[in-house]
Amino acid sequence: ELVRAGNSFGTAASAELENTYWKLMSLGE
């Protein structure tokens, strides 16, 4: 069962939320 991605049918995304190493770049500004 698939669920709609949070940004689907909007801005293009190439990375996936899960199984990706997410490096913190900023906290707020």
mmCIF file of all heavy atoms, coordinates in Angstrom:
data_MODEL
# 
_entry.id   MODEL 
# 
loop_
_atom_site.group_PDB 
_atom_site.id 
_atom_site.type_symbol 
_atom_site.label_atom_id 
_atom_site.label_alt_id 
_atom_site.label_comp_id 
_atom_site.label_asym_id 
_atom_site.label_entity_id 
_atom_site.label_seq_id 
_atom_site.pdbx_PDB_ins_code 
_atom_site.Cartn_x 
_atom_site.Cartn_y 
_atom_site.Cartn_z 
_atom_site.occupancy 
_atom_site.B_iso_or_equiv 
_atom_site.pdbx_formal_charge 
_atom_site.auth_seq_id 
_atom_site.auth_comp_id 
_atom_site.auth_asym_id 
_atom_site.auth_atom_id 
_atom_site.pdbx_PDB_model_num 
ATOM 1   N N   . GLU A 1 1  ? 0.853  -1.181 0.000  1.00 0.00 ? 1  GLU A N   1 
ATOM 2   C CA  . GLU A 1 1  ? 0.000  0.000  0.000  1.00 0.00 ? 1  GLU A CA  1 
ATOM 3   C C   . GLU A 1 1  ? 0.891  1.233  0.000  1.00 0.00 ? 1  GLU A C   1 
ATOM 4   O O   . GLU A 1 1  ? 1.677  1.444  0.927  1.00 0.00 ? 1  GLU A O   1 
ATOM 5   C CB  . GLU A 1 1  ? -0.926 0.029  1.209  1.00 0.00 ? 1  GLU A CB  1 
ATOM 6   C CG  . GLU A 1 1  ? -1.855 1.239  1.194  1.00 0.00 ? 1  GLU A CG  1 
ATOM 7   C CD  . GLU A 1 1  ? -2.885 1.217  2.303  1.00 0.00 ? 1  GLU A CD  1 
ATOM 8   O OE1 . GLU A 1 1  ? -3.363 0.121  2.648  1.00 0.00 ? 1  GLU A OE1 1 
ATOM 9   O OE2 . GLU A 1 1  ? -3.217 2.305  2.811  1.00 0.00 ? 1  GLU A OE2 1 
ATOM 10  N N   . LEU A 1 2  ? 0.776  2.044  -1.037 1.00 0.00 ? 2  LEU A N   1 
ATOM 11  C CA  . LEU A 1 2  ? 1.583  3.248  -1.166 1.00 0.00 ? 2  LEU A CA  1 
ATOM 12  C C   . LEU A 1 2  ? 0.817  4.444  -0.620 1.00 0.00 ? 2  LEU A C   1 
ATOM 13  O O   . LEU A 1 2  ? -0.411 4.495  -0.700 1.00 0.00 ? 2  LEU A O   1 
ATOM 14  C CB  . LEU A 1 2  ? 1.939  3.500  -2.637 1.00 0.00 ? 2  LEU A CB  1 
ATOM 15  C CG  . LEU A 1 2  ? 2.512  2.326  -3.437 1.00 0.00 ? 2  LEU A CG  1 
ATOM 16  C CD1 . LEU A 1 2  ? 2.826  2.758  -4.855 1.00 0.00 ? 2  LEU A CD1 1 
ATOM 17  C CD2 . LEU A 1 2  ? 3.747  1.762  -2.770 1.00 0.00 ? 2  LEU A CD2 1 
ATOM 18  N N   . VAL A 1 3  ? 1.550  5.406  -0.070 1.00 0.00 ? 3  VAL A N   1 
ATOM 19  C CA  . VAL A 1 3  ? 0.927  6.646  0.391  1.00 0.00 ? 3  VAL A CA  1 
ATOM 20  C C   . VAL A 1 3  ? 1.533  7.806  -0.389 1.00 0.00 ? 3  VAL A C   1 
ATOM 21  O O   . VAL A 1 3  ? 2.673  7.740  -0.849 1.00 0.00 ? 3  VAL A O   1 
ATOM 22  C CB  . VAL A 1 3  ? 1.134  6.865  1.904  1.00 0.00 ? 3  VAL A CB  1 
ATOM 23  C CG1 . VAL A 1 3  ? 0.505  5.748  2.697  1.00 0.00 ? 3  VAL A CG1 1 
ATOM 24  C CG2 . VAL A 1 3  ? 2.618  6.993  2.248  1.00 0.00 ? 3  VAL A CG2 1 
ATOM 25  N N   . ARG A 1 4  ? 0.771  8.824  -0.533 1.00 0.00 ? 4  ARG A N   1 
ATOM 26  C CA  . ARG A 1 4  ? 1.211  9.992  -1.294 1.00 0.00 ? 4  ARG A CA  1 
ATOM 27  C C   . ARG A 1 4  ? 2.345  10.697 -0.567 1.00 0.00 ? 4  ARG A C   1 
ATOM 28  O O   . ARG A 1 4  ? 2.261  10.962 0.631  1.00 0.00 ? 4  ARG A O   1 
ATOM 29  C CB  . ARG A 1 4  ? 0.041  10.949 -1.500 1.00 0.00 ? 4  ARG A CB  1 
ATOM 30  C CG  . ARG A 1 4  ? 0.356  12.140 -2.386 1.00 0.00 ? 4  ARG A CG  1 
ATOM 31  C CD  . ARG A 1 4  ? -0.891 12.953 -2.626 1.00 0.00 ? 4  ARG A CD  1 
ATOM 32  N NE  . ARG A 1 4  ? -0.601 14.163 -3.369 1.00 0.00 ? 4  ARG A NE  1 
ATOM 33  C CZ  . ARG A 1 4  ? -1.518 15.049 -3.742 1.00 0.00 ? 4  ARG A CZ  1 
ATOM 34  N NH1 . ARG A 1 4  ? -2.783 14.832 -3.423 1.00 0.00 ? 4  ARG A NH1 1 
ATOM 35  N NH2 . ARG A 1 4  ? -1.187 16.128 -4.421 1.00 0.00 ? 4  ARG A NH2 1 
ATOM 36  N N   . ALA A 1 5  ? 3.419  10.994 -1.295 1.00 0.00 ? 5  ALA A N   1 
ATOM 37  C CA  . ALA A 1 5  ? 4.564  11.694 -0.704 1.00 0.00 ? 5  ALA A CA  1 
ATOM 38  C C   . ALA A 1 5  ? 4.169  13.125 -0.379 1.00 0.00 ? 5  ALA A C   1 
ATOM 39  O O   . ALA A 1 5  ? 3.321  13.719 -1.052 1.00 0.00 ? 5  ALA A O   1 
ATOM 40  C CB  . ALA A 1 5  ? 5.750  11.675 -1.662 1.00 0.00 ? 5  ALA A CB  1 
ATOM 41  N N   . GLY A 1 6  ? 4.812  13.666 0.649  1.00 0.00 ? 6  GLY A N   1 
ATOM 42  C CA  . GLY A 1 6  ? 4.444  14.998 1.116  1.00 0.00 ? 6  GLY A CA  1 
ATOM 43  C C   . GLY A 1 6  ? 4.584  16.072 0.068  1.00 0.00 ? 6  GLY A C   1 
ATOM 44  O O   . GLY A 1 6  ? 3.874  17.067 0.083  1.00 0.00 ? 6  GLY A O   1 
ATOM 45  N N   . ASN A 1 7  ? 5.516  15.906 -0.869 1.00 0.00 ? 7  ASN A N   1 
ATOM 46  C CA  . ASN A 1 7  ? 5.751  16.931 -1.878 1.00 0.00 ? 7  ASN A CA  1 
ATOM 47  C C   . ASN A 1 7  ? 5.291  16.484 -3.268 1.00 0.00 ? 7  ASN A C   1 
ATOM 48  O O   . ASN A 1 7  ? 5.660  17.060 -4.270 1.00 0.00 ? 7  ASN A O   1 
ATOM 49  C CB  . ASN A 1 7  ? 7.237  17.253 -1.941 1.00 0.00 ? 7  ASN A CB  1 
ATOM 50  C CG  . ASN A 1 7  ? 8.042  16.020 -2.286 1.00 0.00 ? 7  ASN A CG  1 
ATOM 51  O OD1 . ASN A 1 7  ? 7.864  14.984 -1.675 1.00 0.00 ? 7  ASN A OD1 1 
ATOM 52  N ND2 . ASN A 1 7  ? 8.924  16.114 -3.265 1.00 0.00 ? 7  ASN A ND2 1 
ATOM 53  N N   . SER A 1 8  ? 4.487  15.422 -3.334 1.00 0.00 ? 8  SER A N   1 
ATOM 54  C CA  . SER A 1 8  ? 4.126  14.867 -4.635 1.00 0.00 ? 8  SER A CA  1 
ATOM 55  C C   . SER A 1 8  ? 3.273  15.836 -5.445 1.00 0.00 ? 8  SER A C   1 
ATOM 56  O O   . SER A 1 8  ? 2.516  16.637 -4.892 1.00 0.00 ? 8  SER A O   1 
ATOM 57  C CB  . SER A 1 8  ? 3.368  13.547 -4.465 1.00 0.00 ? 8  SER A CB  1 
ATOM 58  O OG  . SER A 1 8  ? 2.181  13.746 -3.754 1.00 0.00 ? 8  SER A OG  1 
ATOM 59  N N   . PHE A 1 9  ? 3.416  15.756 -6.775 1.00 0.00 ? 9  PHE A N   1 
ATOM 60  C CA  . PHE A 1 9  ? 2.726  16.618 -7.720 1.00 0.00 ? 9  PHE A CA  1 
ATOM 61  C C   . PHE A 1 9  ? 3.066  18.083 -7.472 1.00 0.00 ? 9  PHE A C   1 
ATOM 62  O O   . PHE A 1 9  ? 2.323  18.979 -7.833 1.00 0.00 ? 9  PHE A O   1 
ATOM 63  C CB  . PHE A 1 9  ? 1.203  16.407 -7.654 1.00 0.00 ? 9  PHE A CB  1 
ATOM 64  C CG  . PHE A 1 9  ? 0.803  14.994 -7.914 1.00 0.00 ? 9  PHE A CG  1 
ATOM 65  C CD1 . PHE A 1 9  ? 0.574  14.118 -6.860 1.00 0.00 ? 9  PHE A CD1 1 
ATOM 66  C CD2 . PHE A 1 9  ? 0.679  14.524 -9.203 1.00 0.00 ? 9  PHE A CD2 1 
ATOM 67  C CE1 . PHE A 1 9  ? 0.224  12.789 -7.099 1.00 0.00 ? 9  PHE A CE1 1 
ATOM 68  C CE2 . PHE A 1 9  ? 0.325  13.203 -9.450 1.00 0.00 ? 9  PHE A CE2 1 
ATOM 69  C CZ  . PHE A 1 9  ? 0.099  12.337 -8.399 1.00 0.00 ? 9  PHE A CZ  1 
ATOM 70  N N   . GLY A 1 10 ? 4.243  18.301 -6.864 1.00 0.00 ? 10 GLY A N   1 
ATOM 71  C CA  . GLY A 1 10 ? 4.717  19.660 -6.637 1.00 0.00 ? 10 GLY A CA  1 
ATOM 72  C C   . GLY A 1 10 ? 6.164  19.771 -7.068 1.00 0.00 ? 10 GLY A C   1 
ATOM 73  O O   . GLY A 1 10 ? 6.530  19.334 -8.140 1.00 0.00 ? 10 GLY A O   1 
ATOM 74  N N   . THR A 1 11 ? 7.007  20.334 -6.208 1.00 0.00 ? 11 THR A N   1 
ATOM 75  C CA  . THR A 1 11 ? 8.421  20.499 -6.535 1.00 0.00 ? 11 THR A CA  1 
ATOM 76  C C   . THR A 1 11 ? 9.089  19.145 -6.677 1.00 0.00 ? 11 THR A C   1 
ATOM 77  O O   . THR A 1 11 ? 8.891  18.253 -5.863 1.00 0.00 ? 11 THR A O   1 
ATOM 78  C CB  . THR A 1 11 ? 9.127  21.298 -5.413 1.00 0.00 ? 11 THR A CB  1 
ATOM 79  O OG1 . THR A 1 11 ? 8.443  22.537 -5.249 1.00 0.00 ? 11 THR A OG1 1 
ATOM 80  C CG2 . THR A 1 11 ? 10.569 21.560 -5.772 1.00 0.00 ? 11 THR A CG2 1 
ATOM 81  N N   . ALA A 1 12 ? 9.902  18.992 -7.701 1.00 0.00 ? 12 ALA A N   1 
ATOM 82  C CA  . ALA A 1 12 ? 10.549 17.708 -7.962 1.00 0.00 ? 12 ALA A CA  1 
ATOM 83  C C   . ALA A 1 12 ? 11.471 17.313 -6.834 1.00 0.00 ? 12 ALA A C   1 
ATOM 84  O O   . ALA A 1 12 ? 12.144 18.140 -6.241 1.00 0.00 ? 12 ALA A O   1 
ATOM 85  C CB  . ALA A 1 12 ? 11.330 17.774 -9.268 1.00 0.00 ? 12 ALA A CB  1 
ATOM 86  N N   . ALA A 1 13 ? 11.478 16.027 -6.518 1.00 0.00 ? 13 ALA A N   1 
ATOM 87  C CA  . ALA A 1 13 ? 12.363 15.502 -5.480 1.00 0.00 ? 13 ALA A CA  1 
ATOM 88  C C   . ALA A 1 13 ? 13.128 14.330 -6.045 1.00 0.00 ? 13 ALA A C   1 
ATOM 89  O O   . ALA A 1 13 ? 12.592 13.531 -6.791 1.00 0.00 ? 13 ALA A O   1 
ATOM 90  C CB  . ALA A 1 13 ? 11.545 15.055 -4.264 1.00 0.00 ? 13 ALA A CB  1 
ATOM 91  N N   . SER A 1 14 ? 14.392 14.229 -5.692 1.00 0.00 ? 14 SER A N   1 
ATOM 92  C CA  . SER A 1 14 ? 15.187 13.093 -6.148 1.00 0.00 ? 14 SER A CA  1 
ATOM 93  C C   . SER A 1 14 ? 15.642 12.241 -4.974 1.00 0.00 ? 14 SER A C   1 
ATOM 94  O O   . SER A 1 14 ? 16.000 11.086 -5.157 1.00 0.00 ? 14 SER A O   1 
ATOM 95  C CB  . SER A 1 14 ? 16.394 13.573 -6.960 1.00 0.00 ? 14 SER A CB  1 
ATOM 96  O OG  . SER A 1 14 ? 17.159 14.504 -6.225 1.00 0.00 ? 14 SER A OG  1 
ATOM 97  N N   . ALA A 1 15 ? 15.682 12.793 -3.774 1.00 0.00 ? 15 ALA A N   1 
ATOM 98  C CA  . ALA A 1 15 ? 16.060 12.028 -2.591 1.00 0.00 ? 15 ALA A CA  1 
ATOM 99  C C   . ALA A 1 15 ? 14.811 11.439 -1.944 1.00 0.00 ? 15 ALA A C   1 
ATOM 100 O O   . ALA A 1 15 ? 13.713 11.983 -2.071 1.00 0.00 ? 15 ALA A O   1 
ATOM 101 C CB  . ALA A 1 15 ? 16.799 12.911 -1.596 1.00 0.00 ? 15 ALA A CB  1 
ATOM 102 N N   . GLU A 1 16 ? 14.980 10.329 -1.253 1.00 0.00 ? 16 GLU A N   1 
ATOM 103 C CA  . GLU A 1 16 ? 13.882 9.699  -0.539 1.00 0.00 ? 16 GLU A CA  1 
ATOM 104 C C   . GLU A 1 16 ? 14.030 9.959  0.948  1.00 0.00 ? 16 GLU A C   1 
ATOM 105 O O   . GLU A 1 16 ? 15.139 10.034 1.474  1.00 0.00 ? 16 GLU A O   1 
ATOM 106 C CB  . GLU A 1 16 ? 13.856 8.202  -0.806 1.00 0.00 ? 16 GLU A CB  1 
ATOM 107 C CG  . GLU A 1 16 ? 13.535 7.859  -2.256 1.00 0.00 ? 16 GLU A CG  1 
ATOM 108 C CD  . GLU A 1 16 ? 13.376 6.367  -2.449 1.00 0.00 ? 16 GLU A CD  1 
ATOM 109 O OE1 . GLU A 1 16 ? 12.915 5.687  -1.513 1.00 0.00 ? 16 GLU A OE1 1 
ATOM 110 O OE2 . GLU A 1 16 ? 13.717 5.887  -3.533 1.00 0.00 ? 16 GLU A OE2 1 
ATOM 111 N N   . LEU A 1 17 ? 12.900 10.053 1.630  1.00 0.00 ? 17 LEU A N   1 
ATOM 112 C CA  . LEU A 1 17 ? 12.926 10.356 3.056  1.00 0.00 ? 17 LEU A CA  1 
ATOM 113 C C   . LEU A 1 17 ? 13.600 9.242  3.845  1.00 0.00 ? 17 LEU A C   1 
ATOM 114 O O   . LEU A 1 17 ? 14.468 9.493  4.687  1.00 0.00 ? 17 LEU A O   1 
ATOM 115 C CB  . LEU A 1 17 ? 11.504 10.587 3.564  1.00 0.00 ? 17 LEU A CB  1 
ATOM 116 C CG  . LEU A 1 17 ? 11.365 10.857 5.067  1.00 0.00 ? 17 LEU A CG  1 
ATOM 117 C CD1 . LEU A 1 17 ? 12.074 12.152 5.446  1.00 0.00 ? 17 LEU A CD1 1 
ATOM 118 C CD2 . LEU A 1 17 ? 9.896  10.906 5.468  1.00 0.00 ? 17 LEU A CD2 1 
ATOM 119 N N   . GLU A 1 18 ? 13.201 7.997  3.570  1.00 0.00 ? 18 GLU A N   1 
ATOM 120 C CA  . GLU A 1 18 ? 13.725 6.862  4.322  1.00 0.00 ? 18 GLU A CA  1 
ATOM 121 C C   . GLU A 1 18 ? 14.957 6.269  3.641  1.00 0.00 ? 18 GLU A C   1 
ATOM 122 O O   . GLU A 1 18 ? 15.166 6.421  2.443  1.00 0.00 ? 18 GLU A O   1 
ATOM 123 C CB  . GLU A 1 18 ? 12.643 5.807  4.493  1.00 0.00 ? 18 GLU A CB  1 
ATOM 124 C CG  . GLU A 1 18 ? 11.454 6.305  5.300  1.00 0.00 ? 18 GLU A CG  1 
ATOM 125 C CD  . GLU A 1 18 ? 10.295 5.328  5.307  1.00 0.00 ? 18 GLU A CD  1 
ATOM 126 O OE1 . GLU A 1 18 ? 9.800  4.995  4.217  1.00 0.00 ? 18 GLU A OE1 1 
ATOM 127 O OE2 . GLU A 1 18 ? 9.886  4.915  6.402  1.00 0.00 ? 18 GLU A OE2 1 
ATOM 128 N N   . ASN A 1 19 ? 15.769 5.593  4.458  1.00 0.00 ? 19 ASN A N   1 
ATOM 129 C CA  . ASN A 1 19 ? 16.983 4.943  3.961  1.00 0.00 ? 19 ASN A CA  1 
ATOM 130 C C   . ASN A 1 19 ? 17.952 5.923  3.319  1.00 0.00 ? 19 ASN A C   1 
ATOM 131 O O   . ASN A 1 19 ? 18.672 5.578  2.384  1.00 0.00 ? 19 ASN A O   1 
ATOM 132 C CB  . ASN A 1 19 ? 16.655 3.827  2.970  1.00 0.00 ? 19 ASN A CB  1 
ATOM 133 C CG  . ASN A 1 19 ? 16.183 2.575  3.658  1.00 0.00 ? 19 ASN A CG  1 
ATOM 134 O OD1 . ASN A 1 19 ? 16.688 2.220  4.724  1.00 0.00 ? 19 ASN A OD1 1 
ATOM 135 N ND2 . ASN A 1 19 ? 15.206 1.913  3.087  1.00 0.00 ? 19 ASN A ND2 1 
ATOM 136 N N   . THR A 1 20 ? 17.951 7.144  3.781  1.00 0.00 ? 20 THR A N   1 
ATOM 137 C CA  . THR A 1 20 ? 18.889 8.165  3.307  1.00 0.00 ? 20 THR A CA  1 
ATOM 138 C C   . THR A 1 20 ? 19.591 8.780  4.513  1.00 0.00 ? 20 THR A C   1 
ATOM 139 O O   . THR A 1 20 ? 18.976 8.998  5.547  1.00 0.00 ? 20 THR A O   1 
ATOM 140 C CB  . THR A 1 20 ? 18.157 9.256  2.506  1.00 0.00 ? 20 THR A CB  1 
ATOM 141 O OG1 . THR A 1 20 ? 17.564 8.675  1.350  1.00 0.00 ? 20 THR A OG1 1 
ATOM 142 C CG2 . THR A 1 20 ? 19.105 10.354 2.065  1.00 0.00 ? 20 THR A CG2 1 
ATOM 143 N N   . TYR A 1 21 ? 20.876 9.024  4.363  1.00 0.00 ? 21 TYR A N   1 
ATOM 144 C CA  . TYR A 1 21 ? 21.668 9.688  5.399  1.00 0.00 ? 21 TYR A CA  1 
ATOM 145 C C   . TYR A 1 21 ? 21.416 11.187 5.261  1.00 0.00 ? 21 TYR A C   1 
ATOM 146 O O   . TYR A 1 21 ? 21.850 11.817 4.294  1.00 0.00 ? 21 TYR A O   1 
ATOM 147 C CB  . TYR A 1 21 ? 23.135 9.348  5.188  1.00 0.00 ? 21 TYR A CB  1 
ATOM 148 C CG  . TYR A 1 21 ? 24.126 9.926  6.176  1.00 0.00 ? 21 TYR A CG  1 
ATOM 149 C CD1 . TYR A 1 21 ? 24.763 9.101  7.105  1.00 0.00 ? 21 TYR A CD1 1 
ATOM 150 C CD2 . TYR A 1 21 ? 24.484 11.268 6.149  1.00 0.00 ? 21 TYR A CD2 1 
ATOM 151 C CE1 . TYR A 1 21 ? 25.713 9.609  7.982  1.00 0.00 ? 21 TYR A CE1 1 
ATOM 152 C CE2 . TYR A 1 21 ? 25.420 11.789 7.027  1.00 0.00 ? 21 TYR A CE2 1 
ATOM 153 C CZ  . TYR A 1 21 ? 26.032 10.952 7.941  1.00 0.00 ? 21 TYR A CZ  1 
ATOM 154 O OH  . TYR A 1 21 ? 26.977 11.463 8.810  1.00 0.00 ? 21 TYR A OH  1 
ATOM 155 N N   . TRP A 1 22 ? 20.700 11.778 6.234  1.00 0.00 ? 22 TRP A N   1 
ATOM 156 C CA  . TRP A 1 22 ? 20.360 13.196 6.179  1.00 0.00 ? 22 TRP A CA  1 
ATOM 157 C C   . TRP A 1 22 ? 21.308 14.000 7.071  1.00 0.00 ? 22 TRP A C   1 
ATOM 158 O O   . TRP A 1 22 ? 21.259 13.898 8.298  1.00 0.00 ? 22 TRP A O   1 
ATOM 159 C CB  . TRP A 1 22 ? 18.913 13.421 6.611  1.00 0.00 ? 22 TRP A CB  1 
ATOM 160 C CG  . TRP A 1 22 ? 17.908 12.926 5.629  1.00 0.00 ? 22 TRP A CG  1 
ATOM 161 C CD1 . TRP A 1 22 ? 17.099 11.836 5.742  1.00 0.00 ? 22 TRP A CD1 1 
ATOM 162 C CD2 . TRP A 1 22 ? 17.618 13.505 4.349  1.00 0.00 ? 22 TRP A CD2 1 
ATOM 163 N NE1 . TRP A 1 22 ? 16.314 11.699 4.619  1.00 0.00 ? 22 TRP A NE1 1 
ATOM 164 C CE2 . TRP A 1 22 ? 16.613 12.709 3.748  1.00 0.00 ? 22 TRP A CE2 1 
ATOM 165 C CE3 . TRP A 1 22 ? 18.102 14.622 3.654  1.00 0.00 ? 22 TRP A CE3 1 
ATOM 166 C CZ2 . TRP A 1 22 ? 16.096 13.007 2.490  1.00 0.00 ? 22 TRP A CZ2 1 
ATOM 167 C CZ3 . TRP A 1 22 ? 17.583 14.910 2.400  1.00 0.00 ? 22 TRP A CZ3 1 
ATOM 168 C CH2 . TRP A 1 22 ? 16.597 14.113 1.833  1.00 0.00 ? 22 TRP A CH2 1 
ATOM 169 N N   . LYS A 1 23 ? 22.155 14.792 6.453  1.00 0.00 ? 23 LYS A N   1 
ATOM 170 C CA  . LYS A 1 23 ? 23.112 15.624 7.172  1.00 0.00 ? 23 LYS A CA  1 
ATOM 171 C C   . LYS A 1 23 ? 22.467 16.959 7.543  1.00 0.00 ? 23 LYS A C   1 
ATOM 172 O O   . LYS A 1 23 ? 21.890 17.640 6.698  1.00 0.00 ? 23 LYS A O   1 
ATOM 173 C CB  . LYS A 1 23 ? 24.344 15.874 6.313  1.00 0.00 ? 23 LYS A CB  1 
ATOM 174 C CG  . LYS A 1 23 ? 25.366 16.809 6.954  1.00 0.00 ? 23 LYS A CG  1 
ATOM 175 C CD  . LYS A 1 23 ? 26.526 17.078 6.008  1.00 0.00 ? 23 LYS A CD  1 
ATOM 176 C CE  . LYS A 1 23 ? 27.502 18.077 6.620  1.00 0.00 ? 23 LYS A CE  1 
ATOM 177 N NZ  . LYS A 1 23 ? 28.629 18.366 5.697  1.00 0.00 ? 23 LYS A NZ  1 
ATOM 178 N N   . LEU A 1 24 ? 22.571 17.334 8.808  1.00 0.00 ? 24 LEU A N   1 
ATOM 179 C CA  . LEU A 1 24 ? 21.997 18.590 9.280  1.00 0.00 ? 24 LEU A CA  1 
ATOM 180 C C   . LEU A 1 24 ? 22.787 19.771 8.714  1.00 0.00 ? 24 LEU A C   1 
ATOM 181 O O   . LEU A 1 24 ? 24.003 19.854 8.885  1.00 0.00 ? 24 LEU A O   1 
ATOM 182 C CB  . LEU A 1 24 ? 22.022 18.634 10.811 1.00 0.00 ? 24 LEU A CB  1 
ATOM 183 C CG  . LEU A 1 24 ? 21.454 19.898 11.467 1.00 0.00 ? 24 LEU A CG  1 
ATOM 184 C CD1 . LEU A 1 24 ? 19.961 20.046 11.169 1.00 0.00 ? 24 LEU A CD1 1 
ATOM 185 C CD2 . LEU A 1 24 ? 21.706 19.865 12.981 1.00 0.00 ? 24 LEU A CD2 1 
ATOM 186 N N   . MET A 1 25 ? 22.071 20.694 8.041  1.00 0.00 ? 25 MET A N   1 
ATOM 187 C CA  . MET A 1 25 ? 22.719 21.859 7.432  1.00 0.00 ? 25 MET A CA  1 
ATOM 188 C C   . MET A 1 25 ? 22.411 23.156 8.180  1.00 0.00 ? 25 MET A C   1 
ATOM 189 O O   . MET A 1 25 ? 23.250 24.054 8.251  1.00 0.00 ? 25 MET A O   1 
ATOM 190 C CB  . MET A 1 25 ? 22.279 21.993 5.972  1.00 0.00 ? 25 MET A CB  1 
ATOM 191 C CG  . MET A 1 25 ? 22.558 20.762 5.120  1.00 0.00 ? 25 MET A CG  1 
ATOM 192 S SD  . MET A 1 25 ? 24.317 20.288 5.092  1.00 0.00 ? 25 MET A SD  1 
ATOM 193 C CE  . MET A 1 25 ? 25.031 21.710 4.269  1.00 0.00 ? 25 MET A CE  1 
ATOM 194 N N   . SER A 1 26 ? 21.192 23.240 8.715  1.00 0.00 ? 26 SER A N   1 
ATOM 195 C CA  . SER A 1 26 ? 20.844 24.452 9.453  1.00 0.00 ? 26 SER A CA  1 
ATOM 196 C C   . SER A 1 26 ? 19.743 24.160 10.453 1.00 0.00 ? 26 SER A C   1 
ATOM 197 O O   . SER A 1 26 ? 18.910 23.270 10.247 1.00 0.00 ? 26 SER A O   1 
ATOM 198 C CB  . SER A 1 26 ? 20.389 25.567 8.494  1.00 0.00 ? 26 SER A CB  1 
ATOM 199 O OG  . SER A 1 26 ? 19.209 25.194 7.807  1.00 0.00 ? 26 SER A OG  1 
ATOM 200 N N   . LEU A 1 27 ? 19.747 24.911 11.528 1.00 0.00 ? 27 LEU A N   1 
ATOM 201 C CA  . LEU A 1 27 ? 18.713 24.872 12.551 1.00 0.00 ? 27 LEU A CA  1 
ATOM 202 C C   . LEU A 1 27 ? 18.008 26.210 12.510 1.00 0.00 ? 27 LEU A C   1 
ATOM 203 O O   . LEU A 1 27 ? 18.582 27.229 12.882 1.00 0.00 ? 27 LEU A O   1 
ATOM 204 C CB  . LEU A 1 27 ? 19.322 24.621 13.936 1.00 0.00 ? 27 LEU A CB  1 
ATOM 205 C CG  . LEU A 1 27 ? 19.876 23.209 14.158 1.00 0.00 ? 27 LEU A CG  1 
ATOM 206 C CD1 . LEU A 1 27 ? 20.819 23.184 15.351 1.00 0.00 ? 27 LEU A CD1 1 
ATOM 207 C CD2 . LEU A 1 27 ? 18.731 22.217 14.349 1.00 0.00 ? 27 LEU A CD2 1 
ATOM 208 N N   . GLY A 1 28 ? 16.769 26.220 11.990 1.00 0.00 ? 28 GLY A N   1 
ATOM 209 C CA  . GLY A 1 28 ? 16.127 27.500 11.724 1.00 0.00 ? 28 GLY A CA  1 
ATOM 210 C C   . GLY A 1 28 ? 16.921 28.223 10.645 1.00 0.00 ? 28 GLY A C   1 
ATOM 211 O O   . GLY A 1 28 ? 17.114 27.706 9.555  1.00 0.00 ? 28 GLY A O   1 
ATOM 212 N N   . GLU A 1 29 ? 17.435 29.401 10.970 1.00 0.00 ? 29 GLU A N   1 
ATOM 213 C CA  . GLU A 1 29 ? 18.259 30.158 10.023 1.00 0.00 ? 29 GLU A CA  1 
ATOM 214 C C   . GLU A 1 29 ? 19.737 30.103 10.386 1.00 0.00 ? 29 GLU A C   1 
ATOM 215 O O   . GLU A 1 29 ? 20.558 30.778 9.761  1.00 0.00 ? 29 GLU A O   1 
ATOM 216 C CB  . GLU A 1 29 ? 17.781 31.614 9.982  1.00 0.00 ? 29 GLU A CB  1 
ATOM 217 C CG  . GLU A 1 29 ? 16.349 31.770 9.472  1.00 0.00 ? 29 GLU A CG  1 
ATOM 218 C CD  . GLU A 1 29 ? 15.928 33.208 9.373  1.00 0.00 ? 29 GLU A CD  1 
ATOM 219 O OE1 . GLU A 1 29 ? 16.729 34.087 9.773  1.00 0.00 ? 29 GLU A OE1 1 
ATOM 220 O OE2 . GLU A 1 29 ? 14.800 33.471 8.904  1.00 0.00 ? 29 GLU A OE2 1 
# 
